[in-house]
PDB file of all heavy atoms in Angstrom:
ATOM      1  N   THR A   1      10.968   7.690  -1.101  1.00  0.00           N
ATOM      2  CA  THR A   1      11.265   9.115  -0.964  1.00  0.00           C
ATOM      3  C   THR A   1       9.960   9.890  -0.925  1.00  0.00           C
ATOM      4  O   THR A   1       8.941   9.424  -1.420  1.00  0.00           O
ATOM      5  CB  THR A   1      12.117   9.625  -2.145  1.00  0.00           C
ATOM      6  OG1 THR A   1      11.397   9.372  -3.367  1.00  0.00           O
ATOM      7  CG2 THR A   1      13.465   8.937  -2.196  1.00  0.00           C
ATOM      8  N   TRP A   2      10.012  11.043  -0.322  1.00  0.00           N
ATOM      9  CA  TRP A   2       8.838  11.924  -0.269  1.00  0.00           C
ATOM     10  C   TRP A   2       9.152  13.163  -1.095  1.00  0.00           C
ATOM     11  O   TRP A   2      10.002  13.957  -0.724  1.00  0.00           O
ATOM     12  CB  TRP A   2       8.528  12.308   1.182  1.00  0.00           C
ATOM     13  CG  TRP A   2       8.127  11.129   2.006  1.00  0.00           C
ATOM     14  CD1 TRP A   2       8.906  10.474   2.906  1.00  0.00           C
ATOM     15  CD2 TRP A   2       6.863  10.462   2.004  1.00  0.00           C
ATOM     16  NE1 TRP A   2       8.213   9.432   3.449  1.00  0.00           N
ATOM     17  CE2 TRP A   2       6.973   9.395   2.929  1.00  0.00           C
ATOM     18  CE3 TRP A   2       5.692  10.652   1.313  1.00  0.00           C
ATOM     19  CZ2 TRP A   2       5.913   8.521   3.166  1.00  0.00           C
ATOM     20  CZ3 TRP A   2       4.647   9.771   1.549  1.00  0.00           C
ATOM     21  CH2 TRP A   2       4.756   8.733   2.473  1.00  0.00           C
ATOM     22  N   PRO A   3       8.469  13.330  -2.203  1.00  0.00           N
ATOM     23  CA  PRO A   3       8.722  14.493  -3.057  1.00  0.00           C
ATOM     24  C   PRO A   3       8.400  15.798  -2.346  1.00  0.00           C
ATOM     25  O   PRO A   3       7.490  15.857  -1.507  1.00  0.00           O
ATOM     26  CB  PRO A   3       7.766  14.291  -4.241  1.00  0.00           C
ATOM     27  CG  PRO A   3       7.355  12.870  -4.180  1.00  0.00           C
ATOM     28  CD  PRO A   3       7.467  12.437  -2.781  1.00  0.00           C
ATOM     29  N   ARG A   4       9.120  16.828  -2.704  1.00  0.00           N
ATOM     30  CA  ARG A   4       8.849  18.156  -2.110  1.00  0.00           C
ATOM     31  C   ARG A   4       7.748  18.864  -2.890  1.00  0.00           C
ATOM     32  O   ARG A   4       6.958  19.584  -2.296  1.00  0.00           O
ATOM     33  CB  ARG A   4      10.125  18.992  -2.132  1.00  0.00           C
ATOM     34  CG  ARG A   4      11.128  18.457  -1.162  1.00  0.00           C
ATOM     35  CD  ARG A   4      12.305  19.404  -0.997  1.00  0.00           C
ATOM     36  NE  ARG A   4      13.348  18.692  -0.267  1.00  0.00           N
ATOM     37  CZ  ARG A   4      14.609  18.652  -0.630  1.00  0.00           C
ATOM     38  NH1 ARG A   4      15.003  19.291  -1.685  1.00  0.00           N
ATOM     39  NH2 ARG A   4      15.478  17.971   0.088  1.00  0.00           N
ATOM     40  N   ASN A   5       7.729  18.677  -4.191  1.00  0.00           N
ATOM     41  CA  ASN A   5       6.682  19.301  -5.006  1.00  0.00           C
ATOM     42  C   ASN A   5       5.383  18.545  -4.802  1.00  0.00           C
ATOM     43  O   ASN A   5       5.352  17.319  -4.913  1.00  0.00           O
ATOM     44  CB  ASN A   5       7.058  19.296  -6.486  1.00  0.00           C
ATOM     45  CG  ASN A   5       8.211  20.222  -6.774  1.00  0.00           C
ATOM     46  OD1 ASN A   5       8.485  21.122  -6.012  1.00  0.00           O
ATOM     47  ND2 ASN A   5       8.889  20.006  -7.896  1.00  0.00           N
ATOM     48  N   ASN A   6       4.339  19.289  -4.518  1.00  0.00           N
ATOM     49  CA  ASN A   6       3.013  18.704  -4.345  1.00  0.00           C
ATOM     50  C   ASN A   6       3.038  17.619  -3.249  1.00  0.00           C
ATOM     51  O   ASN A   6       2.458  16.544  -3.367  1.00  0.00           O
ATOM     52  CB  ASN A   6       2.502  18.132  -5.657  1.00  0.00           C
ATOM     53  CG  ASN A   6       1.020  18.145  -5.760  1.00  0.00           C
ATOM     54  OD1 ASN A   6       0.324  18.606  -4.860  1.00  0.00           O
ATOM     55  ND2 ASN A   6       0.498  17.641  -6.862  1.00  0.00           N
ATOM     56  N   ALA A   7       3.740  17.916  -2.169  1.00  0.00           N
ATOM     57  CA  ALA A   7       4.009  16.944  -1.105  1.00  0.00           C
ATOM     58  C   ALA A   7       2.744  16.345  -0.504  1.00  0.00           C
ATOM     59  O   ALA A   7       2.688  15.145  -0.233  1.00  0.00           O
ATOM     60  CB  ALA A   7       4.854  17.594  -0.018  1.00  0.00           C
ATOM     61  N   ASP A   8       1.727  17.163  -0.282  1.00  0.00           N
ATOM     62  CA  ASP A   8       0.498  16.641   0.322  1.00  0.00           C
ATOM     63  C   ASP A   8      -0.161  15.594  -0.559  1.00  0.00           C
ATOM     64  O   ASP A   8      -0.603  14.546  -0.100  1.00  0.00           O
ATOM     65  CB  ASP A   8      -0.509  17.766   0.600  1.00  0.00           C
ATOM     66  CG  ASP A   8      -0.053  18.674   1.727  1.00  0.00           C
ATOM     67  OD1 ASP A   8       0.791  18.239   2.541  1.00  0.00           O
ATOM     68  OD2 ASP A   8      -0.543  19.822   1.772  1.00  0.00           O
ATOM     69  N   PHE A   9      -0.217  15.884  -1.868  1.00  0.00           N
ATOM     70  CA  PHE A   9      -0.804  14.920  -2.799  1.00  0.00           C
ATOM     71  C   PHE A   9      -0.064  13.596  -2.761  1.00  0.00           C
ATOM     72  O   PHE A   9      -0.670  12.521  -2.666  1.00  0.00           O
ATOM     73  CB  PHE A   9      -0.768  15.474  -4.235  1.00  0.00           C
ATOM     74  CG  PHE A   9      -1.065  14.426  -5.267  1.00  0.00           C
ATOM     75  CD1 PHE A   9      -2.376  14.076  -5.547  1.00  0.00           C
ATOM     76  CD2 PHE A   9      -0.044  13.789  -5.958  1.00  0.00           C
ATOM     77  CE1 PHE A   9      -2.661  13.086  -6.488  1.00  0.00           C
ATOM     78  CE2 PHE A   9      -0.321  12.810  -6.892  1.00  0.00           C
ATOM     79  CZ  PHE A   9      -1.615  12.463  -7.178  1.00  0.00           C
ATOM     80  N   TRP A  10       1.262  13.648  -2.825  1.00  0.00           N
ATOM     81  CA  TRP A  10       2.059  12.419  -2.876  1.00  0.00           C
ATOM     82  C   TRP A  10       1.991  11.659  -1.556  1.00  0.00           C
ATOM     83  O   TRP A  10       1.963  10.430  -1.573  1.00  0.00           O
ATOM     84  CB  TRP A  10       3.494  12.724  -3.277  1.00  0.00           C
ATOM     85  CG  TRP A  10       3.579  13.041  -4.712  1.00  0.00           C
ATOM     86  CD1 TRP A  10       3.874  14.270  -5.290  1.00  0.00           C
ATOM     87  CD2 TRP A  10       3.325  12.152  -5.804  1.00  0.00           C
ATOM     88  NE1 TRP A  10       3.806  14.156  -6.649  1.00  0.00           N
ATOM     89  CE2 TRP A  10       3.479  12.874  -6.988  1.00  0.00           C
ATOM     90  CE3 TRP A  10       2.979  10.818  -5.894  1.00  0.00           C
ATOM     91  CZ2 TRP A  10       3.301  12.307  -8.243  1.00  0.00           C
ATOM     92  CZ3 TRP A  10       2.805  10.245  -7.130  1.00  0.00           C
ATOM     93  CH2 TRP A  10       2.957  10.987  -8.294  1.00  0.00           C
ATOM     94  N   GLN A  11       1.965  12.346  -0.458  1.00  0.00           N
ATOM     95  CA  GLN A  11       1.852  11.665   0.815  1.00  0.00           C
ATOM     96  C   GLN A  11       0.524  10.915   0.895  1.00  0.00           C
ATOM     97  O   GLN A  11       0.479   9.766   1.289  1.00  0.00           O
ATOM     98  CB  GLN A  11       2.015  12.612   1.989  1.00  0.00           C
ATOM     99  CG  GLN A  11       1.977  11.865   3.302  1.00  0.00           C
ATOM    100  CD  GLN A  11       2.513  12.669   4.449  1.00  0.00           C
ATOM    101  OE1 GLN A  11       2.870  13.828   4.300  1.00  0.00           O
ATOM    102  NE2 GLN A  11       2.574  12.041   5.610  1.00  0.00           N
ATOM    103  N   ARG A  12      -0.568  11.583   0.501  1.00  0.00           N
ATOM    104  CA  ARG A  12      -1.883  10.910   0.490  1.00  0.00           C
ATOM    105  C   ARG A  12      -1.873   9.724  -0.455  1.00  0.00           C
ATOM    106  O   ARG A  12      -2.395   8.658  -0.124  1.00  0.00           O
ATOM    107  CB  ARG A  12      -2.986  11.900   0.066  1.00  0.00           C
ATOM    108  CG  ARG A  12      -3.493  12.776   1.189  1.00  0.00           C
ATOM    109  CD  ARG A  12      -4.787  13.492   0.806  1.00  0.00           C
ATOM    110  NE  ARG A  12      -4.748  14.126  -0.493  1.00  0.00           N
ATOM    111  CZ  ARG A  12      -4.270  15.336  -0.748  1.00  0.00           C
ATOM    112  NH1 ARG A  12      -3.800  16.074   0.260  1.00  0.00           N
ATOM    113  NH2 ARG A  12      -4.289  15.854  -1.951  1.00  0.00           N
ATOM    114  N   LYS A  13      -1.300   9.891  -1.622  1.00  0.00           N
ATOM    115  CA  LYS A  13      -1.252   8.828  -2.636  1.00  0.00           C
ATOM    116  C   LYS A  13      -0.510   7.598  -2.106  1.00  0.00           C
ATOM    117  O   LYS A  13      -0.993   6.471  -2.188  1.00  0.00           O
ATOM    118  CB  LYS A  13      -0.589   9.360  -3.912  1.00  0.00           C
ATOM    119  CG  LYS A  13      -0.292   8.338  -4.971  1.00  0.00           C
ATOM    120  CD  LYS A  13      -1.549   7.882  -5.647  1.00  0.00           C
ATOM    121  CE  LYS A  13      -1.216   6.929  -6.793  1.00  0.00           C
ATOM    122  NZ  LYS A  13      -2.308   6.042  -7.067  1.00  0.00           N
ATOM    123  N   ILE A  14       0.650   7.792  -1.560  1.00  0.00           N
ATOM    124  CA  ILE A  14       1.477   6.688  -1.083  1.00  0.00           C
ATOM    125  C   ILE A  14       0.849   6.044   0.148  1.00  0.00           C
ATOM    126  O   ILE A  14       0.812   4.807   0.262  1.00  0.00           O
ATOM    127  CB  ILE A  14       2.916   7.163  -0.820  1.00  0.00           C
ATOM    128  CG1 ILE A  14       3.575   7.528  -2.156  1.00  0.00           C
ATOM    129  CG2 ILE A  14       3.728   6.107  -0.082  1.00  0.00           C
ATOM    130  CD1 ILE A  14       4.870   8.301  -2.071  1.00  0.00           C
ATOM    131  N   GLU A  15       0.297   6.828   1.048  1.00  0.00           N
ATOM    132  CA  GLU A  15      -0.380   6.266   2.222  1.00  0.00           C
ATOM    133  C   GLU A  15      -1.632   5.483   1.806  1.00  0.00           C
ATOM    134  O   GLU A  15      -1.934   4.432   2.385  1.00  0.00           O
ATOM    135  CB  GLU A  15      -0.760   7.376   3.222  1.00  0.00           C
ATOM    136  CG  GLU A  15       0.438   7.981   3.917  1.00  0.00           C
ATOM    137  CD  GLU A  15       1.258   6.994   4.727  1.00  0.00           C
ATOM    138  OE1 GLU A  15       0.691   6.018   5.266  1.00  0.00           O
ATOM    139  OE2 GLU A  15       2.497   7.190   4.811  1.00  0.00           O
ATOM    140  N   THR A  16      -2.343   5.948   0.799  1.00  0.00           N
ATOM    141  CA  THR A  16      -3.495   5.201   0.272  1.00  0.00           C
ATOM    142  C   THR A  16      -3.044   3.876  -0.303  1.00  0.00           C
ATOM    143  O   THR A  16      -3.685   2.831  -0.081  1.00  0.00           O
ATOM    144  CB  THR A  16      -4.240   6.032  -0.793  1.00  0.00           C
ATOM    145  OG1 THR A  16      -4.713   7.245  -0.193  1.00  0.00           O
ATOM    146  CG2 THR A  16      -5.412   5.277  -1.373  1.00  0.00           C
ATOM    147  N   ASN A  17      -1.933   3.868  -1.024  1.00  0.00           N
ATOM    148  CA  ASN A  17      -1.394   2.607  -1.578  1.00  0.00           C
ATOM    149  C   ASN A  17      -1.051   1.636  -0.444  1.00  0.00           C
ATOM    150  O   ASN A  17      -1.345   0.454  -0.539  1.00  0.00           O
ATOM    151  CB  ASN A  17      -0.157   2.873  -2.432  1.00  0.00           C
ATOM    152  CG  ASN A  17      -0.488   3.556  -3.744  1.00  0.00           C
ATOM    153  OD1 ASN A  17      -1.638   3.644  -4.134  1.00  0.00           O
ATOM    154  ND2 ASN A  17       0.535   4.058  -4.407  1.00  0.00           N
ATOM    155  N   ARG A  18      -0.435   2.156   0.606  1.00  0.00           N
ATOM    156  CA  ARG A  18      -0.068   1.294   1.736  1.00  0.00           C
ATOM    157  C   ARG A  18      -1.307   0.690   2.399  1.00  0.00           C
ATOM    158  O   ARG A  18      -1.316  -0.495   2.734  1.00  0.00           O
ATOM    159  CB  ARG A  18       0.708   2.092   2.776  1.00  0.00           C
ATOM    160  CG  ARG A  18       2.118   2.384   2.407  1.00  0.00           C
ATOM    161  CD  ARG A  18       2.753   3.237   3.477  1.00  0.00           C
ATOM    162  NE  ARG A  18       4.192   3.264   3.386  1.00  0.00           N
ATOM    163  CZ  ARG A  18       4.959   4.062   4.117  1.00  0.00           C
ATOM    164  NH1 ARG A  18       4.407   4.882   5.006  1.00  0.00           N
ATOM    165  NH2 ARG A  18       6.253   4.042   3.983  1.00  0.00           N
ATOM    166  N   ARG A  19      -2.337   1.505   2.595  1.00  0.00           N
ATOM    167  CA  ARG A  19      -3.579   1.002   3.195  1.00  0.00           C
ATOM    168  C   ARG A  19      -4.218  -0.072   2.302  1.00  0.00           C
ATOM    169  O   ARG A  19      -4.710  -1.069   2.775  1.00  0.00           O
ATOM    170  CB  ARG A  19      -4.566   2.143   3.468  1.00  0.00           C
ATOM    171  CG  ARG A  19      -4.242   2.946   4.713  1.00  0.00           C
ATOM    172  CD  ARG A  19      -5.370   3.883   5.109  1.00  0.00           C
ATOM    173  NE  ARG A  19      -5.698   4.829   4.056  1.00  0.00           N
ATOM    174  CZ  ARG A  19      -5.103   6.005   3.883  1.00  0.00           C
ATOM    175  NH1 ARG A  19      -4.111   6.367   4.690  1.00  0.00           N
ATOM    176  NH2 ARG A  19      -5.493   6.820   2.915  1.00  0.00           N
ATOM    177  N   ARG A  20      -4.228   0.197   0.986  1.00  0.00           N
ATOM    178  CA  ARG A  20      -4.799  -0.762   0.062  1.00  0.00           C
ATOM    179  C   ARG A  20      -4.007  -2.088   0.078  1.00  0.00           C
ATOM    180  O   ARG A  20      -4.576  -3.168   0.052  1.00  0.00           O
ATOM    181  CB  ARG A  20      -4.851  -0.202  -1.359  1.00  0.00           C
ATOM    182  CG  ARG A  20      -5.606  -1.115  -2.322  1.00  0.00           C
ATOM    183  CD  ARG A  20      -5.652  -0.598  -3.746  1.00  0.00           C
ATOM    184  NE  ARG A  20      -4.298  -0.418  -4.256  1.00  0.00           N
ATOM    185  CZ  ARG A  20      -3.777   0.740  -4.627  1.00  0.00           C
ATOM    186  NH1 ARG A  20      -4.486   1.862  -4.549  1.00  0.00           N
ATOM    187  NH2 ARG A  20      -2.549   0.820  -5.087  1.00  0.00           N
ATOM    188  N   ASP A  21      -2.690  -1.999   0.152  1.00  0.00           N
ATOM    189  CA  ASP A  21      -1.852  -3.213   0.241  1.00  0.00           C
ATOM    190  C   ASP A  21      -2.213  -4.032   1.489  1.00  0.00           C
ATOM    191  O   ASP A  21      -2.369  -5.251   1.415  1.00  0.00           O
ATOM    192  CB  ASP A  21      -0.353  -2.847   0.297  1.00  0.00           C
ATOM    193  CG  ASP A  21       0.157  -2.264  -1.009  1.00  0.00           C
ATOM    194  OD1 ASP A  21      -0.540  -2.372  -2.054  1.00  0.00           O
ATOM    195  OD2 ASP A  21       1.245  -1.661  -0.982  1.00  0.00           O
ATOM    196  N   LYS A  22      -2.355  -3.338   2.602  1.00  0.00           N
ATOM    197  CA  LYS A  22      -2.708  -4.022   3.862  1.00  0.00           C
ATOM    198  C   LYS A  22      -4.089  -4.649   3.743  1.00  0.00           C
ATOM    199  O   LYS A  22      -4.289  -5.810   4.141  1.00  0.00           O
ATOM    200  CB  LYS A  22      -2.657  -3.021   5.003  1.00  0.00           C
ATOM    201  CG  LYS A  22      -2.893  -3.617   6.368  1.00  0.00           C
ATOM    202  CD  LYS A  22      -2.707  -2.548   7.448  1.00  0.00           C
ATOM    203  CE  LYS A  22      -2.809  -3.104   8.836  1.00  0.00           C
ATOM    204  NZ  LYS A  22      -4.162  -3.219   9.320  1.00  0.00           N
ATOM    205  N   ASP A  23      -5.032  -3.916   3.174  1.00  0.00           N
ATOM    206  CA  ASP A  23      -6.382  -4.429   2.997  1.00  0.00           C
ATOM    207  C   ASP A  23      -6.380  -5.648   2.050  1.00  0.00           C
ATOM    208  O   ASP A  23      -7.078  -6.620   2.310  1.00  0.00           O
ATOM    209  CB  ASP A  23      -7.287  -3.319   2.425  1.00  0.00           C
ATOM    210  CG  ASP A  23      -8.714  -3.806   2.230  1.00  0.00           C
ATOM    211  OD1 ASP A  23      -9.376  -4.143   3.239  1.00  0.00           O
ATOM    212  OD2 ASP A  23      -9.172  -3.825   1.066  1.00  0.00           O
ATOM    213  N   THR A  24      -5.599  -5.576   1.002  1.00  0.00           N
ATOM    214  CA  THR A  24      -5.489  -6.700   0.054  1.00  0.00           C
ATOM    215  C   THR A  24      -4.985  -7.949   0.786  1.00  0.00           C
ATOM    216  O   THR A  24      -5.540  -9.036   0.640  1.00  0.00           O
ATOM    217  CB  THR A  24      -4.546  -6.360  -1.093  1.00  0.00           C
ATOM    218  OG1 THR A  24      -5.080  -5.242  -1.818  1.00  0.00           O
ATOM    219  CG2 THR A  24      -4.353  -7.534  -2.043  1.00  0.00           C
ATOM    220  N   ASP A  25      -3.913  -7.791   1.561  1.00  0.00           N
ATOM    221  CA  ASP A  25      -3.361  -8.916   2.302  1.00  0.00           C
ATOM    222  C   ASP A  25      -4.391  -9.533   3.244  1.00  0.00           C
ATOM    223  O   ASP A  25      -4.520 -10.752   3.339  1.00  0.00           O
ATOM    224  CB  ASP A  25      -2.130  -8.482   3.106  1.00  0.00           C
ATOM    225  CG  ASP A  25      -0.954  -8.040   2.223  1.00  0.00           C
ATOM    226  OD1 ASP A  25      -0.999  -8.288   0.987  1.00  0.00           O
ATOM    227  OD2 ASP A  25      -0.007  -7.429   2.757  1.00  0.00           O
ATOM    228  N   GLU A  26      -5.161  -8.685   3.918  1.00  0.00           N
ATOM    229  CA  GLU A  26      -6.181  -9.174   4.838  1.00  0.00           C
ATOM    230  C   GLU A  26      -7.317  -9.886   4.112  1.00  0.00           C
ATOM    231  O   GLU A  26      -7.769 -10.942   4.543  1.00  0.00           O
ATOM    232  CB  GLU A  26      -6.741  -7.999   5.666  1.00  0.00           C
ATOM    233  CG  GLU A  26      -5.760  -7.449   6.673  1.00  0.00           C
ATOM    234  CD  GLU A  26      -6.184  -6.142   7.291  1.00  0.00           C
ATOM    235  OE1 GLU A  26      -7.254  -5.597   6.921  1.00  0.00           O
ATOM    236  OE2 GLU A  26      -5.436  -5.635   8.160  1.00  0.00           O
ATOM    237  N   ARG A  27      -7.775  -9.305   2.999  1.00  0.00           N
ATOM    238  CA  ARG A  27      -8.859  -9.948   2.227  1.00  0.00           C
ATOM    239  C   ARG A  27      -8.428 -11.306   1.686  1.00  0.00           C
ATOM    240  O   ARG A  27      -9.214 -12.255   1.706  1.00  0.00           O
ATOM    241  CB  ARG A  27      -9.287  -9.043   1.078  1.00  0.00           C
ATOM    242  CG  ARG A  27     -10.090  -7.865   1.496  1.00  0.00           C
ATOM    243  CD  ARG A  27     -10.410  -7.026   0.270  1.00  0.00           C
ATOM    244  NE  ARG A  27     -11.208  -5.877   0.609  1.00  0.00           N
ATOM    245  CZ  ARG A  27     -12.228  -5.466  -0.120  1.00  0.00           C
ATOM    246  NH1 ARG A  27     -12.566  -6.107  -1.217  1.00  0.00           N
ATOM    247  NH2 ARG A  27     -12.901  -4.416   0.249  1.00  0.00           N
ATOM    248  N   LEU A  28      -7.232 -11.368   1.163  1.00  0.00           N
ATOM    249  CA  LEU A  28      -6.751 -12.644   0.639  1.00  0.00           C
ATOM    250  C   LEU A  28      -6.597 -13.682   1.763  1.00  0.00           C
ATOM    251  O   LEU A  28      -6.938 -14.849   1.591  1.00  0.00           O
ATOM    252  CB  LEU A  28      -5.446 -12.481  -0.129  1.00  0.00           C
ATOM    253  CG  LEU A  28      -5.524 -11.676  -1.422  1.00  0.00           C
ATOM    254  CD1 LEU A  28      -4.160 -11.579  -2.091  1.00  0.00           C
ATOM    255  CD2 LEU A  28      -6.547 -12.238  -2.373  1.00  0.00           C
ATOM    256  N   ALA A  29      -6.102 -13.249   2.913  1.00  0.00           N
ATOM    257  CA  ALA A  29      -5.938 -14.150   4.047  1.00  0.00           C
ATOM    258  C   ALA A  29      -7.284 -14.724   4.495  1.00  0.00           C
ATOM    259  O   ALA A  29      -7.387 -15.913   4.829  1.00  0.00           O
ATOM    260  CB  ALA A  29      -5.248 -13.431   5.203  1.00  0.00           C
ATOM    261  N   GLU A  30      -8.330 -13.902   4.451  1.00  0.00           N
ATOM    262  CA  GLU A  30      -9.673 -14.370   4.818  1.00  0.00           C
ATOM    263  C   GLU A  30     -10.144 -15.492   3.896  1.00  0.00           C
ATOM    264  O   GLU A  30     -10.941 -16.336   4.293  1.00  0.00           O
ATOM    265  CB  GLU A  30     -10.672 -13.213   4.759  1.00  0.00           C
ATOM    266  CG  GLU A  30     -10.527 -12.209   5.861  1.00  0.00           C
ATOM    267  CD  GLU A  30     -11.382 -10.951   5.638  1.00  0.00           C
ATOM    268  OE1 GLU A  30     -12.128 -10.893   4.641  1.00  0.00           O
ATOM    269  OE2 GLU A  30     -11.270 -10.030   6.463  1.00  0.00           O
ATOM    270  N   GLU A  31      -9.626 -15.508   2.675  1.00  0.00           N
ATOM    271  CA  GLU A  31     -10.012 -16.531   1.696  1.00  0.00           C
ATOM    272  C   GLU A  31      -9.006 -17.685   1.626  1.00  0.00           C
ATOM    273  O   GLU A  31      -9.084 -18.523   0.728  1.00  0.00           O
ATOM    274  CB  GLU A  31     -10.142 -15.884   0.301  1.00  0.00           C
ATOM    275  CG  GLU A  31     -11.232 -14.840   0.215  1.00  0.00           C
ATOM    276  CD  GLU A  31     -12.620 -15.427   0.351  1.00  0.00           C
ATOM    277  OE1 GLU A  31     -12.844 -16.583  -0.053  1.00  0.00           O
ATOM    278  OE2 GLU A  31     -13.518 -14.706   0.869  1.00  0.00           O
ATOM    279  N   GLY A  32      -8.058 -17.687   2.562  1.00  0.00           N
ATOM    280  CA  GLY A  32      -7.088 -18.778   2.616  1.00  0.00           C
ATOM    281  C   GLY A  32      -5.847 -18.599   1.751  1.00  0.00           C
ATOM    282  O   GLY A  32      -5.072 -19.522   1.555  1.00  0.00           O
ATOM    283  N   TRP A  33      -5.645 -17.368   1.270  1.00  0.00           N
ATOM    284  CA  TRP A  33      -4.484 -17.072   0.447  1.00  0.00           C
ATOM    285  C   TRP A  33      -3.390 -16.425   1.277  1.00  0.00           C
ATOM    286  O   TRP A  33      -3.671 -15.788   2.300  1.00  0.00           O
ATOM    287  CB  TRP A  33      -4.858 -16.134  -0.686  1.00  0.00           C
ATOM    288  CG  TRP A  33      -5.593 -16.808  -1.773  1.00  0.00           C
ATOM    289  CD1 TRP A  33      -6.916 -17.191  -1.780  1.00  0.00           C
ATOM    290  CD2 TRP A  33      -5.072 -17.181  -3.063  1.00  0.00           C
ATOM    291  NE1 TRP A  33      -7.216 -17.777  -2.975  1.00  0.00           N
ATOM    292  CE2 TRP A  33      -6.116 -17.779  -3.784  1.00  0.00           C
ATOM    293  CE3 TRP A  33      -3.827 -17.060  -3.661  1.00  0.00           C
ATOM    294  CZ2 TRP A  33      -5.929 -18.266  -5.076  1.00  0.00           C
ATOM    295  CZ3 TRP A  33      -3.650 -17.533  -4.933  1.00  0.00           C
ATOM    296  CH2 TRP A  33      -4.689 -18.137  -5.645  1.00  0.00           C
ATOM    297  N   LEU A  34      -2.168 -16.561   0.820  1.00  0.00           N
ATOM    298  CA  LEU A  34      -1.032 -15.888   1.457  1.00  0.00           C
ATOM    299  C   LEU A  34      -0.471 -14.872   0.463  1.00  0.00           C
ATOM    300  O   LEU A  34      -0.181 -15.213  -0.667  1.00  0.00           O
ATOM    301  CB  LEU A  34       0.060 -16.895   1.841  1.00  0.00           C
ATOM    302  CG  LEU A  34       1.321 -16.299   2.443  1.00  0.00           C
ATOM    303  CD1 LEU A  34       1.012 -15.658   3.805  1.00  0.00           C
ATOM    304  CD2 LEU A  34       2.388 -17.359   2.613  1.00  0.00           C
ATOM    305  N   SER A  35      -0.342 -13.643   0.914  1.00  0.00           N
ATOM    306  CA  SER A  35       0.263 -12.597   0.089  1.00  0.00           C
ATOM    307  C   SER A  35       1.731 -12.503   0.418  1.00  0.00           C
ATOM    308  O   SER A  35       2.099 -12.427   1.579  1.00  0.00           O
ATOM    309  CB  SER A  35      -0.377 -11.227   0.366  1.00  0.00           C
ATOM    310  OG  SER A  35      -1.728 -11.218   0.002  1.00  0.00           O
ATOM    311  N   LEU A  36       2.559 -12.486  -0.626  1.00  0.00           N
ATOM    312  CA  LEU A  36       3.987 -12.240  -0.453  1.00  0.00           C
ATOM    313  C   LEU A  36       4.309 -10.916  -1.128  1.00  0.00           C
ATOM    314  O   LEU A  36       3.917 -10.685  -2.275  1.00  0.00           O
ATOM    315  CB  LEU A  36       4.816 -13.338  -1.117  1.00  0.00           C
ATOM    316  CG  LEU A  36       4.961 -14.647  -0.394  1.00  0.00           C
ATOM    317  CD1 LEU A  36       5.826 -15.611  -1.191  1.00  0.00           C
ATOM    318  CD2 LEU A  36       5.556 -14.452   0.982  1.00  0.00           C
ATOM    319  N   ARG A  37       4.998 -10.054  -0.433  1.00  0.00           N
ATOM    320  CA  ARG A  37       5.395  -8.758  -0.968  1.00  0.00           C
ATOM    321  C   ARG A  37       6.870  -8.766  -1.247  1.00  0.00           C
ATOM    322  O   ARG A  37       7.685  -9.131  -0.391  1.00  0.00           O
ATOM    323  CB  ARG A  37       5.068  -7.653   0.028  1.00  0.00           C
ATOM    324  CG  ARG A  37       3.589  -7.562   0.359  1.00  0.00           C
ATOM    325  CD  ARG A  37       2.910  -6.556  -0.483  1.00  0.00           C
ATOM    326  NE  ARG A  37       1.448  -6.676  -0.378  1.00  0.00           N
ATOM    327  CZ  ARG A  37       0.638  -6.127  -1.234  1.00  0.00           C
ATOM    328  NH1 ARG A  37       1.097  -5.422  -2.240  1.00  0.00           N
ATOM    329  NH2 ARG A  37      -0.665  -6.265  -1.096  1.00  0.00           N
ATOM    330  N   VAL A  38       7.243  -8.375  -2.461  1.00  0.00           N
ATOM    331  CA  VAL A  38       8.636  -8.277  -2.885  1.00  0.00           C
ATOM    332  C   VAL A  38       8.887  -6.827  -3.249  1.00  0.00           C
ATOM    333  O   VAL A  38       8.171  -6.260  -4.068  1.00  0.00           O
ATOM    334  CB  VAL A  38       8.921  -9.191  -4.092  1.00  0.00           C
ATOM    335  CG1 VAL A  38      10.331  -8.981  -4.603  1.00  0.00           C
ATOM    336  CG2 VAL A  38       8.663 -10.646  -3.767  1.00  0.00           C
ATOM    337  N   TRP A  39       9.898  -6.225  -2.633  1.00  0.00           N
ATOM    338  CA  TRP A  39      10.257  -4.852  -2.983  1.00  0.00           C
ATOM    339  C   TRP A  39      11.085  -4.879  -4.264  1.00  0.00           C
ATOM    340  O   TRP A  39      11.863  -5.787  -4.490  1.00  0.00           O
ATOM    341  CB  TRP A  39      11.064  -4.189  -1.873  1.00  0.00           C
ATOM    342  CG  TRP A  39      10.260  -3.842  -0.676  1.00  0.00           C
ATOM    343  CD1 TRP A  39      10.295  -4.471   0.541  1.00  0.00           C
ATOM    344  CD2 TRP A  39       9.264  -2.818  -0.547  1.00  0.00           C
ATOM    345  NE1 TRP A  39       9.393  -3.889   1.401  1.00  0.00           N
ATOM    346  CE2 TRP A  39       8.750  -2.869   0.747  1.00  0.00           C
ATOM    347  CE3 TRP A  39       8.758  -1.857  -1.435  1.00  0.00           C
ATOM    348  CZ2 TRP A  39       7.754  -1.992   1.195  1.00  0.00           C
ATOM    349  CZ3 TRP A  39       7.786  -0.994  -0.996  1.00  0.00           C
ATOM    350  CH2 TRP A  39       7.282  -1.053   0.311  1.00  0.00           C
ATOM    351  N   GLU A  40      10.949  -3.820  -5.056  1.00  0.00           N
ATOM    352  CA  GLU A  40      11.661  -3.755  -6.322  1.00  0.00           C
ATOM    353  C   GLU A  40      13.187  -3.761  -6.146  1.00  0.00           C
ATOM    354  O   GLU A  40      13.907  -4.147  -7.055  1.00  0.00           O
ATOM    355  CB  GLU A  40      11.249  -2.538  -7.150  1.00  0.00           C
ATOM    356  CG  GLU A  40      11.718  -1.229  -6.580  1.00  0.00           C
ATOM    357  CD  GLU A  40      11.367  -0.040  -7.465  1.00  0.00           C
ATOM    358  OE1 GLU A  40      11.119  -0.225  -8.666  1.00  0.00           O
ATOM    359  OE2 GLU A  40      11.320   1.064  -6.912  1.00  0.00           O
TER     360      GLU A  40
END
């Protein structure tokens, strides 16, 4: 969900998390690891 209060902050925060997740998966793959993502 995208909160209405302080929407810009939360959008940046969640998008930053997504970018970090993608970067993590790529870094681990470079080292021969496989990342599995499980949604709550």
